[in-house]
Amino acid sequence: MAEIKRRQRAFALQRKAAVERINLGEPIQDPCEHVHLLAIMHRRATDYEPYGETDRGSREDCSCGCRFYIELRGELGRDWGVCANPISPRCGLLTFEHQGCNWFADKMPNTQTECQEARK
């Protein structure tokens, strides 16, 4: 767990540095480089900290077997994918494996209201 938190902090710093490089007008050598993807990924309040506002607790990352996490091809697939869970706020978004959400794997809504809340 400590290793995951260390990596999350490191990626948060990389993202900040990448955003600063973009804001300074530095050319991006490879639009698919890891730090560039960190800089452009959409964040939701429902993402796990430090990417969002949700406490991870003991929940799994997307890449730990969520049936809705579709890994990117190649090297980036080790860390990046797309969420295909129709009830997750991350659905259809580029997703870093540690972003996560409370709709991992087979957690489905019990009511229409829960489904609508999830899509906000």
PDB file of N, CA and C in Angstrom:
ATOM      1  N   MET A   1       0.817  -1.185   0.000  1.00  0.00           N
ATOM      2  CA  MET A   1       0.000   0.000   0.000  1.00  0.00           C
ATOM      3  C   MET A   1       0.867   1.259   0.000  1.00  0.00           C
ATOM      4  N   ALA A   2       1.951   1.229   0.756  1.00  0.00           N
ATOM      5  CA  ALA A   2       2.854   2.380   0.800  1.00  0.00           C
ATOM      6  C   ALA A   2       3.466   2.639  -0.576  1.00  0.00           C
ATOM      7  N   GLU A   3       3.771   1.577  -1.297  1.00  0.00           N
ATOM      8  CA  GLU A   3       4.341   1.711  -2.641  1.00  0.00           C
ATOM      9  C   GLU A   3       3.340   2.372  -3.592  1.00  0.00           C
ATOM     10  N   ILE A   4       2.084   2.001  -3.489  1.00  0.00           N
ATOM     11  CA  ILE A   4       1.054   2.605  -4.338  1.00  0.00           C
ATOM     12  C   ILE A   4       0.940   4.097  -4.032  1.00  0.00           C
ATOM     13  N   LYS A   5       0.914   4.449  -2.772  1.00  0.00           N
ATOM     14  CA  LYS A   5       0.824   5.869  -2.394  1.00  0.00           C
ATOM     15  C   LYS A   5       2.042   6.648  -2.882  1.00  0.00           C
ATOM     16  N   ARG A   6       3.225   6.036  -2.797  1.00  0.00           N
ATOM     17  CA  ARG A   6       4.439   6.685  -3.285  1.00  0.00           C
ATOM     18  C   ARG A   6       4.335   6.928  -4.785  1.00  0.00           C
ATOM     19  N   ARG A   7       3.868   5.921  -5.525  1.00  0.00           N
ATOM     20  CA  ARG A   7       3.715   6.061  -6.978  1.00  0.00           C
ATOM     21  C   ARG A   7       2.686   7.114  -7.326  1.00  0.00           C
ATOM     22  N   GLN A   8       1.593   7.172  -6.565  1.00  0.00           N
ATOM     23  CA  GLN A   8       0.563   8.174  -6.825  1.00  0.00           C
ATOM     24  C   GLN A   8       1.110   9.578  -6.637  1.00  0.00           C
ATOM     25  N   ARG A   9       1.879   9.778  -5.581  1.00  0.00           N
ATOM     26  CA  ARG A   9       2.480  11.094  -5.350  1.00  0.00           C
ATOM     27  C   ARG A   9       3.440  11.449  -6.480  1.00  0.00           C
ATOM     28  N   ALA A  10       4.227  10.470  -6.919  1.00  0.00           N
ATOM     29  CA  ALA A  10       5.180  10.712  -8.004  1.00  0.00           C
ATOM     30  C   ALA A  10       4.445  11.088  -9.292  1.00  0.00           C
ATOM     31  N   PHE A  11       3.347  10.394  -9.598  1.00  0.00           N
ATOM     32  CA  PHE A  11       2.593  10.696 -10.806  1.00  0.00           C
ATOM     33  C   PHE A  11       1.908  12.051 -10.704  1.00  0.00           C
ATOM     34  N   ALA A  12       1.458  12.422  -9.516  1.00  0.00           N
ATOM     35  CA  ALA A  12       0.853  13.737  -9.331  1.00  0.00           C
ATOM     36  C   ALA A  12       1.879  14.831  -9.619  1.00  0.00           C
ATOM     37  N   LEU A  13       3.106  14.632  -9.190  1.00  0.00           N
ATOM     38  CA  LEU A  13       4.175  15.591  -9.473  1.00  0.00           C
ATOM     39  C   LEU A  13       4.509  15.617 -10.960  1.00  0.00           C
ATOM     40  N   GLN A  14       4.521  14.446 -11.608  1.00  0.00           N
ATOM     41  CA  GLN A  14       4.776  14.391 -13.044  1.00  0.00           C
ATOM     42  C   GLN A  14       3.682  15.124 -13.809  1.00  0.00           C
ATOM     43  N   ARG A  15       2.434  14.934 -13.380  1.00  0.00           N
ATOM     44  CA  ARG A  15       1.322  15.604 -14.046  1.00  0.00           C
ATOM     45  C   ARG A  15       1.480  17.119 -13.938  1.00  0.00           C
ATOM     46  N   LYS A  16       1.804  17.584 -12.762  1.00  0.00           N
ATOM     47  CA  LYS A  16       1.984  19.021 -12.558  1.00  0.00           C
ATOM     48  C   LYS A  16       3.092  19.552 -13.462  1.00  0.00           C
ATOM     49  N   ALA A  17       4.187  18.825 -13.548  1.00  0.00           N
ATOM     50  CA  ALA A  17       5.307  19.240 -14.398  1.00  0.00           C
ATOM     51  C   ALA A  17       4.894  19.248 -15.868  1.00  0.00           C
ATOM     52  N   ALA A  18       4.120  18.253 -16.284  1.00  0.00           N
ATOM     53  CA  ALA A  18       3.679  18.190 -17.680  1.00  0.00           C
ATOM     54  C   ALA A  18       2.754  19.344 -18.010  1.00  0.00           C
ATOM     55  N   VAL A  19       1.841  19.669 -17.104  1.00  0.00           N
ATOM     56  CA  VAL A  19       0.944  20.807 -17.327  1.00  0.00           C
ATOM     57  C   VAL A  19       1.747  22.094 -17.427  1.00  0.00           C
ATOM     58  N   GLU A  20       2.746  22.255 -16.584  1.00  0.00           N
ATOM     59  CA  GLU A  20       3.588  23.451 -16.642  1.00  0.00           C
ATOM     60  C   GLU A  20       4.330  23.531 -17.971  1.00  0.00           C
ATOM     61  N   ARG A  21       4.853  22.384 -18.461  1.00  0.00           N
ATOM     62  CA  ARG A  21       5.536  22.370 -19.767  1.00  0.00           C
ATOM     63  C   ARG A  21       4.585  22.777 -20.880  1.00  0.00           C
ATOM     64  N   ILE A  22       3.358  22.250 -20.840  1.00  0.00           N
ATOM     65  CA  ILE A  22       2.367  22.588 -21.865  1.00  0.00           C
ATOM     66  C   ILE A  22       2.021  24.076 -21.786  1.00  0.00           C
ATOM     67  N   ASN A  23       1.813  24.586 -20.566  1.00  0.00           N
ATOM     68  CA  ASN A  23       1.472  25.999 -20.386  1.00  0.00           C
ATOM     69  C   ASN A  23       2.587  26.921 -20.854  1.00  0.00           C
ATOM     70  N   LEU A  24       3.826  26.469 -20.773  1.00  0.00           N
ATOM     71  CA  LEU A  24       4.969  27.267 -21.233  1.00  0.00           C
ATOM     72  C   LEU A  24       5.164  27.185 -22.742  1.00  0.00           C
ATOM     73  N   GLY A  25       4.353  26.350 -23.400  1.00  0.00           N
ATOM     74  CA  GLY A  25       4.436  26.236 -24.846  1.00  0.00           C
ATOM     75  C   GLY A  25       5.518  25.298 -25.347  1.00  0.00           C
ATOM     76  N   GLU A  26       6.060  24.476 -24.461  1.00  0.00           N
ATOM     77  CA  GLU A  26       7.071  23.518 -24.894  1.00  0.00           C
ATOM     78  C   GLU A  26       6.431  22.483 -25.820  1.00  0.00           C
ATOM     79  N   PRO A  27       7.131  22.115 -26.883  1.00  0.00           N
ATOM     80  CA  PRO A  27       6.573  21.114 -27.792  1.00  0.00           C
ATOM     81  C   PRO A  27       6.500  19.742 -27.116  1.00  0.00           C
ATOM     82  N   ILE A  28       5.475  19.022 -27.456  1.00  0.00           N
ATOM     83  CA  ILE A  28       5.304  17.666 -26.933  1.00  0.00           C
ATOM     84  C   ILE A  28       5.915  16.717 -27.955  1.00  0.00           C
ATOM     85  N   GLN A  29       6.954  16.008 -27.551  1.00  0.00           N
ATOM     86  CA  GLN A  29       7.647  15.100 -28.459  1.00  0.00           C
ATOM     87  C   GLN A  29       6.768  13.924 -28.853  1.00  0.00           C
ATOM     88  N   ASP A  30       6.062  13.383 -27.914  1.00  0.00           N
ATOM     89  CA  ASP A  30       5.220  12.219 -28.160  1.00  0.00           C
ATOM     90  C   ASP A  30       3.892  12.444 -27.446  1.00  0.00           C
ATOM     91  N   PRO A  31       2.800  12.625 -28.201  1.00  0.00           N
ATOM     92  CA  PRO A  31       1.519  12.895 -27.555  1.00  0.00           C
ATOM     93  C   PRO A  31       1.025  11.736 -26.694  1.00  0.00           C
ATOM     94  N   CYS A  32       1.640  10.596 -26.805  1.00  0.00           N
ATOM     95  CA  CYS A  32       1.236   9.451 -25.989  1.00  0.00           C
ATOM     96  C   CYS A  32       2.225   9.158 -24.867  1.00  0.00           C
ATOM     97  N   GLU A  33       3.085  10.120 -24.549  1.00  0.00           N
ATOM     98  CA  GLU A  33       3.989   9.874 -23.432  1.00  0.00           C
ATOM     99  C   GLU A  33       3.195   9.935 -22.137  1.00  0.00           C
ATOM    100  N   HIS A  34       3.672   9.208 -21.168  1.00  0.00           N
ATOM    101  CA  HIS A  34       2.964   9.035 -19.905  1.00  0.00           C
ATOM    102  C   HIS A  34       2.610  10.364 -19.249  1.00  0.00           C
ATOM    103  N   VAL A  35       3.563  11.274 -19.140  1.00  0.00           N
ATOM    104  CA  VAL A  35       3.294  12.531 -18.447  1.00  0.00           C
ATOM    105  C   VAL A  35       2.285  13.394 -19.204  1.00  0.00           C
ATOM    106  N   HIS A  36       2.277  13.297 -20.538  1.00  0.00           N
ATOM    107  CA  HIS A  36       1.284  14.048 -21.308  1.00  0.00           C
ATOM    108  C   HIS A  36      -0.121  13.516 -21.018  1.00  0.00           C
ATOM    109  N   LEU A  37      -0.262  12.198 -20.967  1.00  0.00           N
ATOM    110  CA  LEU A  37      -1.569  11.626 -20.663  1.00  0.00           C
ATOM    111  C   LEU A  37      -2.025  12.011 -19.257  1.00  0.00           C
ATOM    112  N   LEU A  38      -1.093  12.053 -18.307  1.00  0.00           N
ATOM    113  CA  LEU A  38      -1.436  12.508 -16.960  1.00  0.00           C
ATOM    114  C   LEU A  38      -1.953  13.946 -16.990  1.00  0.00           C
ATOM    115  N   ALA A  39      -1.377  14.760 -17.860  1.00  0.00           N
ATOM    116  CA  ALA A  39      -1.755  16.169 -17.928  1.00  0.00           C
ATOM    117  C   ALA A  39      -3.128  16.372 -18.557  1.00  0.00           C
ATOM    118  N   ILE A  40      -3.532  15.519 -19.478  1.00  0.00           N
ATOM    119  CA  ILE A  40      -4.794  15.742 -20.199  1.00  0.00           C
ATOM    120  C   ILE A  40      -5.959  14.900 -19.703  1.00  0.00           C
ATOM    121  N   MET A  41      -5.707  13.930 -18.836  1.00  0.00           N
ATOM    122  CA  MET A  41      -6.801  13.056 -18.405  1.00  0.00           C
ATOM    123  C   MET A  41      -7.852  13.846 -17.635  1.00  0.00           C
ATOM    124  N   HIS A  42      -9.097  13.476 -17.843  1.00  0.00           N
ATOM    125  CA  HIS A  42     -10.192  14.104 -17.106  1.00  0.00           C
ATOM    126  C   HIS A  42     -10.246  13.521 -15.708  1.00  0.00           C
ATOM    127  N   ARG A  43     -10.535  14.378 -14.769  1.00  0.00           N
ATOM    128  CA  ARG A  43     -10.653  13.943 -13.372  1.00  0.00           C
ATOM    129  C   ARG A  43     -12.096  14.145 -12.921  1.00  0.00           C
ATOM    130  N   ARG A  44     -12.547  13.237 -12.098  1.00  0.00           N
ATOM    131  CA  ARG A  44     -13.885  13.306 -11.520  1.00  0.00           C
ATOM    132  C   ARG A  44     -13.755  13.290  -9.997  1.00  0.00           C
ATOM    133  N   ALA A  45     -14.687  13.895  -9.310  1.00  0.00           N
ATOM    134  CA  ALA A  45     -14.675  13.859  -7.846  1.00  0.00           C
ATOM    135  C   ALA A  45     -14.747  12.421  -7.347  1.00  0.00           C
ATOM    136  N   THR A  46     -15.351  11.540  -8.145  1.00  0.00           N
ATOM    137  CA  THR A  46     -15.503  10.133  -7.755  1.00  0.00           C
ATOM    138  C   THR A  46     -14.230   9.314  -7.951  1.00  0.00           C
ATOM    139  N   ASP A  47     -13.197   9.893  -8.576  1.00  0.00           N
ATOM    140  CA  ASP A  47     -11.906   9.205  -8.716  1.00  0.00           C
ATOM    141  C   ASP A  47     -11.263   9.109  -7.342  1.00  0.00           C
ATOM    142  N   TYR A  48     -10.434   8.079  -7.169  1.00  0.00           N
ATOM    143  CA  TYR A  48      -9.721   7.940  -5.902  1.00  0.00           C
ATOM    144  C   TYR A  48      -8.683   9.044  -5.749  1.00  0.00           C
ATOM    145  N   GLU A  49      -8.432   9.420  -4.498  1.00  0.00           N
ATOM    146  CA  GLU A  49      -7.379  10.388  -4.193  1.00  0.00           C
ATOM    147  C   GLU A  49      -6.034   9.841  -4.653  1.00  0.00           C
ATOM    148  N   PRO A  50      -5.120  10.600  -5.163  1.00  0.00           N
ATOM    149  CA  PRO A  50      -5.113  12.050  -5.264  1.00  0.00           C
ATOM    150  C   PRO A  50      -5.716  12.572  -6.566  1.00  0.00           C
ATOM    151  N   TYR A  51      -6.305  11.712  -7.372  1.00  0.00           N
ATOM    152  CA  TYR A  51      -6.854  12.119  -8.669  1.00  0.00           C
ATOM    153  C   TYR A  51      -8.233  12.733  -8.524  1.00  0.00           C
ATOM    154  N   GLY A  52      -8.965  12.297  -7.504  1.00  0.00           N
ATOM    155  CA  GLY A  52     -10.295  12.825  -7.222  1.00  0.00           C
ATOM    156  C   GLY A  52     -10.444  13.050  -5.731  1.00  0.00           C
ATOM    157  N   GLU A  53     -11.667  12.935  -5.256  1.00  0.00           N
ATOM    158  CA  GLU A  53     -11.947  13.235  -3.855  1.00  0.00           C
ATOM    159  C   GLU A  53     -12.392  12.007  -3.055  1.00  0.00           C
ATOM    160  N   THR A  54     -12.382  10.835  -3.662  1.00  0.00           N
ATOM    161  CA  THR A  54     -12.877   9.634  -3.007  1.00  0.00           C
ATOM    162  C   THR A  54     -11.749   8.877  -2.325  1.00  0.00           C
ATOM    163  N   ASP A  55     -11.985   8.502  -1.084  1.00  0.00           N
ATOM    164  CA  ASP A  55     -11.023   7.703  -0.335  1.00  0.00           C
ATOM    165  C   ASP A  55     -11.035   6.276  -0.893  1.00  0.00           C
ATOM    166  N   ARG A  56      -9.880   5.766  -1.229  1.00  0.00           N
ATOM    167  CA  ARG A  56      -9.762   4.431  -1.819  1.00  0.00           C
ATOM    168  C   ARG A  56     -10.140   3.336  -0.841  1.00  0.00           C
ATOM    169  N   GLY A  57      -9.792   3.528   0.413  1.00  0.00           N
ATOM    170  CA  GLY A  57     -10.019   2.446   1.378  1.00  0.00           C
ATOM    171  C   GLY A  57      -9.227   1.221   0.959  1.00  0.00           C
ATOM    172  N   SER A  58      -9.862   0.086   0.920  1.00  0.00           N
ATOM    173  CA  SER A  58      -9.172  -1.151   0.519  1.00  0.00           C
ATOM    174  C   SER A  58      -9.625  -1.610  -0.862  1.00  0.00           C
ATOM    175  N   ARG A  59     -10.229  -0.722  -1.632  1.00  0.00           N
ATOM    176  CA  ARG A  59     -10.738  -1.096  -2.950  1.00  0.00           C
ATOM    177  C   ARG A  59      -9.619  -1.254  -3.972  1.00  0.00           C
ATOM    178  N   GLU A  60      -9.897  -2.044  -4.981  1.00  0.00           N
ATOM    179  CA  GLU A  60      -8.922  -2.362  -6.032  1.00  0.00           C
ATOM    180  C   GLU A  60      -8.815  -1.245  -7.066  1.00  0.00           C
ATOM    181  N   ASP A  61      -7.662  -1.211  -7.751  1.00  0.00           N
ATOM    182  CA  ASP A  61      -7.474  -0.326  -8.898  1.00  0.00           C
ATOM    183  C   ASP A  61      -8.172  -0.915 -10.110  1.00  0.00           C
ATOM    184  N   CYS A  62      -8.414  -0.076 -11.101  1.00  0.00           N
ATOM    185  CA  CYS A  62      -9.045  -0.527 -12.344  1.00  0.00           C
ATOM    186  C   CYS A  62      -8.299  -1.711 -12.961  1.00  0.00           C
ATOM    187  N   SER A  63      -6.978  -1.628 -12.964  1.00  0.00           N
ATOM    188  CA  SER A  63      -6.162  -2.641 -13.642  1.00  0.00           C
ATOM    189  C   SER A  63      -6.060  -3.950 -12.864  1.00  0.00           C
ATOM    190  N   CYS A  64      -6.691  -4.026 -11.703  1.00  0.00           N
ATOM    191  CA  CYS A  64      -6.631  -5.255 -10.893  1.00  0.00           C
ATOM    192  C   CYS A  64      -7.808  -6.178 -11.179  1.00  0.00           C
ATOM    193  N   GLY A  65      -8.341  -6.119 -12.370  1.00  0.00           N
ATOM    194  CA  GLY A  65      -9.367  -7.068 -12.763  1.00  0.00           C
ATOM    195  C   GLY A  65     -10.754  -6.514 -13.001  1.00  0.00           C
ATOM    196  N   CYS A  66     -10.905  -5.211 -13.050  1.00  0.00           N
ATOM    197  CA  CYS A  66     -12.237  -4.679 -13.342  1.00  0.00           C
ATOM    198  C   CYS A  66     -12.625  -5.101 -14.757  1.00  0.00           C
ATOM    199  N   ARG A  67     -13.783  -5.712 -14.875  1.00  0.00           N
ATOM    200  CA  ARG A  67     -14.206  -6.227 -16.189  1.00  0.00           C
ATOM    201  C   ARG A  67     -14.524  -5.112 -17.174  1.00  0.00           C
ATOM    202  N   PHE A  68     -14.653  -3.880 -16.699  1.00  0.00           N
ATOM    203  CA  PHE A  68     -14.973  -2.759 -17.573  1.00  0.00           C
ATOM    204  C   PHE A  68     -13.745  -1.944 -17.983  1.00  0.00           C
ATOM    205  N   TYR A  69     -12.564  -2.314 -17.497  1.00  0.00           N
ATOM    206  CA  TYR A  69     -11.337  -1.575 -17.802  1.00  0.00           C
ATOM    207  C   TYR A  69     -10.695  -2.182 -19.039  1.00  0.00           C
ATOM    208  N   ILE A  70     -10.609  -1.404 -20.111  1.00  0.00           N
ATOM    209  CA  ILE A  70     -10.032  -1.863 -21.371  1.00  0.00           C
ATOM    210  C   ILE A  70      -8.655  -1.232 -21.512  1.00  0.00           C
ATOM    211  N   GLU A  71      -7.628  -2.053 -21.427  1.00  0.00           N
ATOM    212  CA  GLU A  71      -6.252  -1.545 -21.499  1.00  0.00           C
ATOM    213  C   GLU A  71      -5.922  -1.028 -22.891  1.00  0.00           C
ATOM    214  N   LEU A  72      -5.121   0.040 -22.929  1.00  0.00           N
ATOM    215  CA  LEU A  72      -4.598   0.516 -24.202  1.00  0.00           C
ATOM    216  C   LEU A  72      -3.594  -0.500 -24.728  1.00  0.00           C
ATOM    217  N   ARG A  73      -3.325  -0.443 -26.002  1.00  0.00           N
ATOM    218  CA  ARG A  73      -2.333  -1.341 -26.595  1.00  0.00           C
ATOM    219  C   ARG A  73      -0.927  -0.854 -26.296  1.00  0.00           C
ATOM    220  N   GLY A  74       0.024  -1.773 -26.370  1.00  0.00           N
ATOM    221  CA  GLY A  74       1.429  -1.427 -26.228  1.00  0.00           C
ATOM    222  C   GLY A  74       1.844  -1.107 -24.808  1.00  0.00           C
ATOM    223  N   GLU A  75       2.951  -0.390 -24.712  1.00  0.00           N
ATOM    224  CA  GLU A  75       3.539  -0.040 -23.409  1.00  0.00           C
ATOM    225  C   GLU A  75       2.565   0.702 -22.508  1.00  0.00           C
ATOM    226  N   LEU A  76       1.788   1.600 -23.090  1.00  0.00           N
ATOM    227  CA  LEU A  76       0.880   2.406 -22.274  1.00  0.00           C
ATOM    228  C   LEU A  76      -0.197   1.567 -21.604  1.00  0.00           C
ATOM    229  N   GLY A  77      -0.477   0.384 -22.130  1.00  0.00           N
ATOM    230  CA  GLY A  77      -1.486  -0.496 -21.556  1.00  0.00           C
ATOM    231  C   GLY A  77      -1.152  -0.978 -20.162  1.00  0.00           C
ATOM    232  N   ARG A  78       0.110  -0.843 -19.767  1.00  0.00           N
ATOM    233  CA  ARG A  78       0.481  -1.229 -18.400  1.00  0.00           C
ATOM    234  C   ARG A  78      -0.125  -0.278 -17.380  1.00  0.00           C
ATOM    235  N   ASP A  79      -0.361   0.966 -17.788  1.00  0.00           N
ATOM    236  CA  ASP A  79      -0.852   1.990 -16.867  1.00  0.00           C
ATOM    237  C   ASP A  79      -2.152   2.661 -17.294  1.00  0.00           C
ATOM    238  N   TRP A  80      -2.543   2.511 -18.541  1.00  0.00           N
ATOM    239  CA  TRP A  80      -3.650   3.286 -19.090  1.00  0.00           C
ATOM    240  C   TRP A  80      -4.693   2.406 -19.767  1.00  0.00           C
ATOM    241  N   GLY A  81      -5.937   2.861 -19.684  1.00  0.00           N
ATOM    242  CA  GLY A  81      -7.021   2.172 -20.361  1.00  0.00           C
ATOM    243  C   GLY A  81      -8.199   3.112 -20.522  1.00  0.00           C
ATOM    244  N   VAL A  82      -9.321   2.525 -20.909  1.00  0.00           N
ATOM    245  CA  VAL A  82     -10.570   3.261 -21.051  1.00  0.00           C
ATOM    246  C   VAL A  82     -11.623   2.533 -20.227  1.00  0.00           C
ATOM    247  N   CYS A  83     -12.411   3.286 -19.496  1.00  0.00           N
ATOM    248  CA  CYS A  83     -13.490   2.696 -18.709  1.00  0.00           C
ATOM    249  C   CYS A  83     -14.690   2.479 -19.623  1.00  0.00           C
ATOM    250  N   ALA A  84     -15.263   1.284 -19.575  1.00  0.00           N
ATOM    251  CA  ALA A  84     -16.434   0.968 -20.383  1.00  0.00           C
ATOM    252  C   ALA A  84     -17.652   0.638 -19.524  1.00  0.00           C
ATOM    253  N   ASN A  85     -17.601   1.013 -18.250  1.00  0.00           N
ATOM    254  CA  ASN A  85     -18.713   0.741 -17.344  1.00  0.00           C
ATOM    255  C   ASN A  85     -19.781   1.822 -17.536  1.00  0.00           C
ATOM    256  N   PRO A  86     -20.951   1.460 -18.054  1.00  0.00           N
ATOM    257  CA  PRO A  86     -21.960   2.477 -18.368  1.00  0.00           C
ATOM    258  C   PRO A  86     -22.489   3.245 -17.163  1.00  0.00           C
ATOM    259  N   ILE A  87     -22.291   2.759 -15.947  1.00  0.00           N
ATOM    260  CA  ILE A  87     -22.777   3.496 -14.784  1.00  0.00           C
ATOM    261  C   ILE A  87     -21.672   4.274 -14.076  1.00  0.00           C
ATOM    262  N   SER A  88     -20.434   4.136 -14.525  1.00  0.00           N
ATOM    263  CA  SER A  88     -19.321   4.850 -13.894  1.00  0.00           C
ATOM    264  C   SER A  88     -19.192   6.258 -14.465  1.00  0.00           C
ATOM    265  N   PRO A  89     -18.900   7.238 -13.636  1.00  0.00           N
ATOM    266  CA  PRO A  89     -18.632   8.583 -14.145  1.00  0.00           C
ATOM    267  C   PRO A  89     -17.408   8.623 -15.068  1.00  0.00           C
ATOM    268  N   ARG A  90     -16.568   7.583 -15.064  1.00  0.00           N
ATOM    269  CA  ARG A  90     -15.393   7.519 -15.920  1.00  0.00           C
ATOM    270  C   ARG A  90     -15.690   6.866 -17.269  1.00  0.00           C
ATOM    271  N   CYS A  91     -16.906   6.424 -17.489  1.00  0.00           N
ATOM    272  CA  CYS A  91     -17.255   5.707 -18.717  1.00  0.00           C
ATOM    273  C   CYS A  91     -16.845   6.496 -19.964  1.00  0.00           C
ATOM    274  N   GLY A  92     -16.087   5.837 -20.836  1.00  0.00           N
ATOM    275  CA  GLY A  92     -15.655   6.442 -22.089  1.00  0.00           C
ATOM    276  C   GLY A  92     -14.425   7.328 -21.972  1.00  0.00           C
ATOM    277  N   LEU A  93     -13.858   7.405 -20.774  1.00  0.00           N
ATOM    278  CA  LEU A  93     -12.723   8.308 -20.558  1.00  0.00           C
ATOM    279  C   LEU A  93     -11.399   7.561 -20.466  1.00  0.00           C
ATOM    280  N   LEU A  94     -10.360   8.211 -20.961  1.00  0.00           N
ATOM    281  CA  LEU A  94      -9.006   7.750 -20.728  1.00  0.00           C
ATOM    282  C   LEU A  94      -8.812   7.670 -19.222  1.00  0.00           C
ATOM    283  N   THR A  95      -8.320   6.539 -18.735  1.00  0.00           N
ATOM    284  CA  THR A  95      -8.260   6.308 -17.295  1.00  0.00           C
ATOM    285  C   THR A  95      -6.909   5.755 -16.894  1.00  0.00           C
ATOM    286  N   PHE A  96      -6.283   6.416 -15.941  1.00  0.00           N
ATOM    287  CA  PHE A  96      -5.053   5.915 -15.356  1.00  0.00           C
ATOM    288  C   PHE A  96      -5.430   4.789 -14.400  1.00  0.00           C
ATOM    289  N   GLU A  97      -4.665   3.719 -14.398  1.00  0.00           N
ATOM    290  CA  GLU A  97      -5.046   2.521 -13.656  1.00  0.00           C
ATOM    291  C   GLU A  97      -5.345   2.758 -12.180  1.00  0.00           C
ATOM    292  N   HIS A  98      -4.749   3.776 -11.570  1.00  0.00           N
ATOM    293  CA  HIS A  98      -4.960   4.022 -10.142  1.00  0.00           C
ATOM    294  C   HIS A  98      -6.071   5.033  -9.859  1.00  0.00           C
ATOM    295  N   GLN A  99      -6.693   5.601 -10.904  1.00  0.00           N
ATOM    296  CA  GLN A  99      -7.773   6.555 -10.677  1.00  0.00           C
ATOM    297  C   GLN A  99      -8.937   5.887  -9.973  1.00  0.00           C
ATOM    298  N   GLY A 100      -9.398   4.796 -10.513  1.00  0.00           N
ATOM    299  CA  GLY A 100     -10.449   4.004  -9.886  1.00  0.00           C
ATOM    300  C   GLY A 100     -11.746   4.732  -9.618  1.00  0.00           C
ATOM    301  N   CYS A 101     -12.736   3.953  -9.195  1.00  0.00           N
ATOM    302  CA  CYS A 101     -14.031   4.484  -8.791  1.00  0.00           C
ATOM    303  C   CYS A 101     -14.758   3.401  -7.990  1.00  0.00           C
ATOM    304  N   ASN A 102     -15.887   3.742  -7.468  1.00  0.00           N
ATOM    305  CA  ASN A 102     -16.641   2.791  -6.646  1.00  0.00           C
ATOM    306  C   ASN A 102     -17.487   1.816  -7.457  1.00  0.00           C
ATOM    307  N   TRP A 103     -17.331   1.807  -8.773  1.00  0.00           N
ATOM    308  CA  TRP A 103     -18.107   0.908  -9.624  1.00  0.00           C
ATOM    309  C   TRP A 103     -17.221  -0.174 -10.228  1.00  0.00           C
ATOM    310  N   PHE A 104     -16.227  -0.609  -9.483  1.00  0.00           N
ATOM    311  CA  PHE A 104     -15.293  -1.653  -9.907  1.00  0.00           C
ATOM    312  C   PHE A 104     -16.034  -2.949 -10.235  1.00  0.00           C
ATOM    313  N   ALA A 105     -15.636  -3.599 -11.297  1.00  0.00           N
ATOM    314  CA  ALA A 105     -16.102  -4.931 -11.700  1.00  0.00           C
ATOM    315  C   ALA A 105     -17.609  -5.023 -11.805  1.00  0.00           C
ATOM    316  N   ASP A 106     -18.236  -5.785 -10.917  1.00  0.00           N
ATOM    317  CA  ASP A 106     -19.649  -6.089 -11.108  1.00  0.00           C
ATOM    318  C   ASP A 106     -20.587  -5.313 -10.191  1.00  0.00           C
ATOM    319  N   LYS A 107     -20.096  -4.233  -9.593  1.00  0.00           N
ATOM    320  CA  LYS A 107     -20.993  -3.452  -8.743  1.00  0.00           C
ATOM    321  C   LYS A 107     -21.980  -2.708  -9.628  1.00  0.00           C
ATOM    322  N   MET A 108     -23.204  -3.105  -9.576  1.00  0.00           N
ATOM    323  CA  MET A 108     -24.245  -2.518 -10.413  1.00  0.00           C
ATOM    324  C   MET A 108     -25.225  -1.742  -9.535  1.00  0.00           C
ATOM    325  N   PRO A 109     -25.876  -0.729 -10.096  1.00  0.00           N
ATOM    326  CA  PRO A 109     -26.828   0.036  -9.292  1.00  0.00           C
ATOM    327  C   PRO A 109     -28.055  -0.787  -8.952  1.00  0.00           C
ATOM    328  N   ASN A 110     -28.641  -0.498  -7.806  1.00  0.00           N
ATOM    329  CA  ASN A 110     -29.854  -1.189  -7.384  1.00  0.00           C
ATOM    330  C   ASN A 110     -31.112  -0.496  -7.879  1.00  0.00           C
ATOM    331  N   THR A 111     -30.996   0.786  -8.176  1.00  0.00           N
ATOM    332  CA  THR A 111     -32.175   1.542  -8.592  1.00  0.00           C
ATOM    333  C   THR A 111     -31.807   2.490  -9.728  1.00  0.00           C
ATOM    334  N   GLN A 112     -32.829   2.985 -10.398  1.00  0.00           N
ATOM    335  CA  GLN A 112     -32.626   3.971 -11.460  1.00  0.00           C
ATOM    336  C   GLN A 112     -31.989   5.237 -10.893  1.00  0.00           C
ATOM    337  N   THR A 113     -32.368   5.624  -9.668  1.00  0.00           N
ATOM    338  CA  THR A 113     -31.815   6.815  -9.035  1.00  0.00           C
ATOM    339  C   THR A 113     -30.315   6.663  -8.827  1.00  0.00           C
ATOM    340  N   GLU A 114     -29.860   5.492  -8.355  1.00  0.00           N
ATOM    341  CA  GLU A 114     -28.424   5.265  -8.174  1.00  0.00           C
ATOM    342  C   GLU A 114     -27.703   5.377  -9.503  1.00  0.00           C
ATOM    343  N   CYS A 115     -28.307   4.859 -10.545  1.00  0.00           N
ATOM    344  CA  CYS A 115     -27.692   4.931 -11.877  1.00  0.00           C
ATOM    345  C   CYS A 115     -27.572   6.394 -12.318  1.00  0.00           C
ATOM    346  N   GLN A 116     -28.602   7.185 -12.111  1.00  0.00           N
ATOM    347  CA  GLN A 116     -28.571   8.593 -12.502  1.00  0.00           C
ATOM    348  C   GLN A 116     -27.542   9.358 -11.681  1.00  0.00           C
ATOM    349  N   GLU A 117     -27.424   9.058 -10.382  1.00  0.00           N
ATOM    350  CA  GLU A 117     -26.436   9.696  -9.520  1.00  0.00           C
ATOM    351  C   GLU A 117     -25.029   9.365  -9.982  1.00  0.00           C
ATOM    352  N   ALA A 118     -24.822   8.130 -10.416  1.00  0.00           N
ATOM    353  CA  ALA A 118     -23.510   7.689 -10.859  1.00  0.00           C
ATOM    354  C   ALA A 118     -23.052   8.429 -12.101  1.00  0.00           C
ATOM    355  N   ARG A 119     -23.989   8.831 -12.941  1.00  0.00           N
ATOM    356  CA  ARG A 119     -23.653   9.480 -14.211  1.00  0.00           C
ATOM    357  C   ARG A 119     -23.355  10.966 -14.052  1.00  0.00           C
ATOM    358  N   LYS A 120     -23.570  11.535 -12.880  1.00  0.00           N
ATOM    359  CA  LYS A 120     -23.310  12.971 -12.661  1.00  0.00           C
ATOM    360  C   LYS A 120     -21.837  13.250 -12.627  1.00  0.00           C
TER     361      LYS A 120
END
